């Protein structure tokens, strides 16, 4: 796989892991039954990042505010390195996300993708669809009536 494609794929699975519900992620990872040995490169630590917004989605960027994140990095016994940045203050979710990131870089990738990533993607899709239905229920259609004297 070309380097750019592998970076895009990794960015996508790391996004899925970061946005996943912590309980669902832990349950899916535990059900996978993998408990690889690892050493911490950076233990989970809590910090903040500046979140930027754009006026109208395309305008000039502005600092919206800070967001709490937890990050960590670990190294598996075979040398693969996993990283995680997850929103909030959840050290365990960061550990599991980093383990999944490292495992996705080796022979376990298909098993992790099937048992962990796919259920998290489906849950995210369901969440988006539910929000879209909720927003659609409040939609108002405006129309213009033509009056006789406007002809």
Protein backbone atom coordinates (compact mmCIF):
# COMPACT_ATOMS: atom_id res chain seq x y z
CA UNK A 1 0.00 0.00 0.00
CA UNK A 2 1.41 3.44 -0.86
CA UNK A 3 2.58 5.54 2.09
CA UNK A 4 -0.14 8.20 1.59
CA UNK A 5 -2.84 5.52 1.46
CA UNK A 6 -1.56 3.81 4.61
CA UNK A 7 -1.43 7.16 6.42
CA UNK A 8 -5.01 7.91 5.36
CA UNK A 9 -6.16 4.47 6.50
CA UNK A 10 -4.40 4.89 9.86
CA UNK A 11 -5.87 8.36 10.34
CA UNK A 12 -9.34 6.91 9.64
CA UNK A 13 -9.07 4.05 12.16
CA UNK A 14 -7.57 6.35 14.79
CA UNK A 15 -10.53 8.69 14.25
CA UNK A 16 -12.98 5.82 14.72
CA UNK A 17 -11.21 4.78 17.94
CA UNK A 18 -11.11 8.32 19.31
CA UNK A 19 -14.83 8.91 18.67
CA UNK A 20 -16.00 5.51 19.93
CA UNK A 21 -17.97 5.12 23.13
CA UNK A 22 -15.49 4.09 25.85
CA UNK A 23 -17.62 1.25 27.22
CA UNK A 24 -18.37 -0.20 23.80
CA UNK A 25 -14.72 0.05 22.79
CA UNK A 26 -13.57 -1.72 25.97
CA UNK A 27 -16.18 -4.48 25.54
CA UNK A 28 -15.26 -5.05 21.88
CA UNK A 29 -11.54 -5.14 22.65
CA UNK A 30 -12.03 -7.52 25.59
CA UNK A 31 -14.15 -9.82 23.41
CA UNK A 32 -11.30 -9.94 20.90
CA UNK A 33 -9.25 -11.78 23.51
CA UNK A 34 -5.88 -10.22 22.73
CA UNK A 35 -3.69 -9.05 25.60
CA UNK A 36 -0.35 -8.19 24.01
CA UNK A 37 2.66 -7.34 26.12
CA UNK A 38 3.77 -3.73 25.75
CA UNK A 39 5.96 -1.04 27.25
CA UNK A 40 4.84 2.53 27.70
CA UNK A 41 6.60 5.12 25.58
CA UNK A 42 4.30 7.78 27.04
CA UNK A 43 1.89 6.83 29.80
CA UNK A 44 -1.65 8.19 29.40
CA UNK A 45 -1.62 11.86 30.28
CA UNK A 46 -4.37 14.43 30.30
CA UNK A 47 -3.97 17.81 28.68
CA UNK A 48 -5.78 20.34 26.55
CA UNK A 49 -5.74 21.32 22.90
CA UNK A 50 -7.00 24.49 21.25
CA UNK A 51 -10.01 23.86 19.03
CA UNK A 52 -10.39 26.08 15.98
CA UNK A 53 -13.58 26.95 14.15
CA UNK A 54 -14.32 28.67 10.85
CA UNK A 55 -17.05 31.22 10.30
CA UNK A 56 -19.56 29.63 7.95
CA UNK A 57 -17.36 26.55 7.69
CA UNK A 58 -15.09 28.18 5.09
CA UNK A 59 -14.11 31.55 6.57
CA UNK A 60 -11.01 32.56 8.45
CA UNK A 61 -10.13 30.28 11.36
CA UNK A 62 -10.66 31.47 14.92
CA UNK A 63 -9.86 29.92 18.30
CA UNK A 64 -13.08 28.44 19.62
CA UNK A 65 -11.73 27.22 22.95
CA UNK A 66 -9.85 24.43 24.66
CA UNK A 67 -10.76 20.76 24.75
CA UNK A 68 -9.49 18.14 27.20
CA UNK A 69 -7.71 15.18 25.63
CA UNK A 70 -5.84 12.11 26.84
CA UNK A 71 -2.83 10.89 24.89
CA UNK A 72 -0.44 7.97 25.15
CA UNK A 73 2.04 5.91 23.17
CA UNK A 74 3.12 2.31 23.62
CA UNK A 75 5.41 -0.22 22.01
CA UNK A 76 4.49 -3.88 21.57
CA UNK A 77 7.05 -6.61 22.25
CA UNK A 78 7.59 -7.01 18.47
CA UNK A 79 8.42 -3.30 18.04
CA UNK A 80 5.14 -1.95 16.64
CA UNK A 81 4.20 1.43 18.11
CA UNK A 82 0.65 2.57 18.85
CA UNK A 83 -0.50 6.10 19.58
CA UNK A 84 -3.80 7.50 20.81
CA UNK A 85 -5.36 10.91 21.31
CA UNK A 86 -8.90 10.64 22.69
CA UNK A 87 -11.27 13.36 23.83
CA UNK A 88 -11.86 13.69 27.54
CA UNK A 89 -10.07 12.32 30.57
CA UNK A 90 -10.21 8.56 29.92
CA UNK A 91 -6.83 6.88 30.38
CA UNK A 92 -8.23 3.37 29.79
CA UNK A 93 -9.84 4.36 26.48
CA UNK A 94 -6.52 5.89 25.39
CA UNK A 95 -4.68 2.64 26.30
CA UNK A 96 -7.13 0.50 24.33
CA UNK A 97 -7.03 2.88 21.34
CA UNK A 98 -3.21 2.79 21.32
CA UNK A 99 -3.22 -1.02 21.52
CA UNK A 100 -5.66 -1.20 18.60
CA UNK A 101 -3.49 1.22 16.62
CA UNK A 102 -0.43 -0.95 17.16
CA UNK A 103 -2.28 -4.19 16.41
CA UNK A 104 -3.72 -2.74 13.19
CA UNK A 105 -0.16 -2.49 11.87
CA UNK A 106 0.41 -6.25 11.89
CA UNK A 107 -1.08 -9.69 11.37
CA UNK A 108 -3.94 -8.99 13.80
CA UNK A 109 -5.28 -6.16 11.63
CA UNK A 110 -8.17 -8.13 10.12
CA UNK A 111 -9.30 -9.45 13.50
CA UNK A 112 -9.14 -5.99 15.11
CA UNK A 113 -10.93 -4.39 12.14
CA UNK A 114 -13.73 -6.98 12.27
CA UNK A 115 -14.17 -7.21 16.06
CA UNK A 116 -13.47 -3.62 17.10
CA UNK A 117 -13.44 -1.08 14.28
CA UNK A 118 -16.49 -2.25 12.31
CA UNK A 119 -18.85 -2.23 15.32
CA UNK A 120 -17.55 1.25 16.27
CA UNK A 121 -18.12 2.48 12.69
CA UNK A 122 -21.66 1.07 12.67
CA UNK A 123 -22.42 2.72 16.01
CA UNK A 124 -21.13 6.06 14.68
CA UNK A 125 -23.25 5.69 11.52
CA UNK A 126 -26.32 4.89 13.65
CA UNK A 127 -25.63 7.93 15.84
CA UNK A 128 -25.32 10.19 12.76
CA UNK A 129 -28.54 8.79 11.25
CA UNK A 130 -30.42 9.28 14.54
CA UNK A 131 -29.24 12.91 14.75
CA UNK A 132 -30.18 13.49 11.10
CA UNK A 133 -33.70 12.11 11.72
CA UNK A 134 -34.05 14.30 14.80
CA UNK A 135 -32.95 17.39 12.85
CA UNK A 136 -35.23 16.51 9.92
CA UNK A 137 -38.21 16.38 12.27
CA UNK A 138 -37.72 20.08 13.03
CA UNK A 139 -37.29 21.14 9.41
CA UNK A 140 -39.61 23.83 8.12
CA UNK A 141 -40.31 24.12 4.39
CA UNK A 142 -40.93 27.67 3.29
CA UNK A 143 -42.68 28.46 0.04
CA UNK A 144 -43.90 31.57 -1.72
CA UNK A 145 -47.50 31.91 -2.72
CA UNK A 146 -48.25 33.87 -5.84
CA UNK A 147 -50.97 36.42 -5.31
CA UNK A 148 -53.26 37.58 -8.05
CA UNK A 149 -51.92 41.16 -8.21
CA UNK A 150 -48.29 39.94 -8.57
CA UNK A 151 -48.92 38.57 -12.06
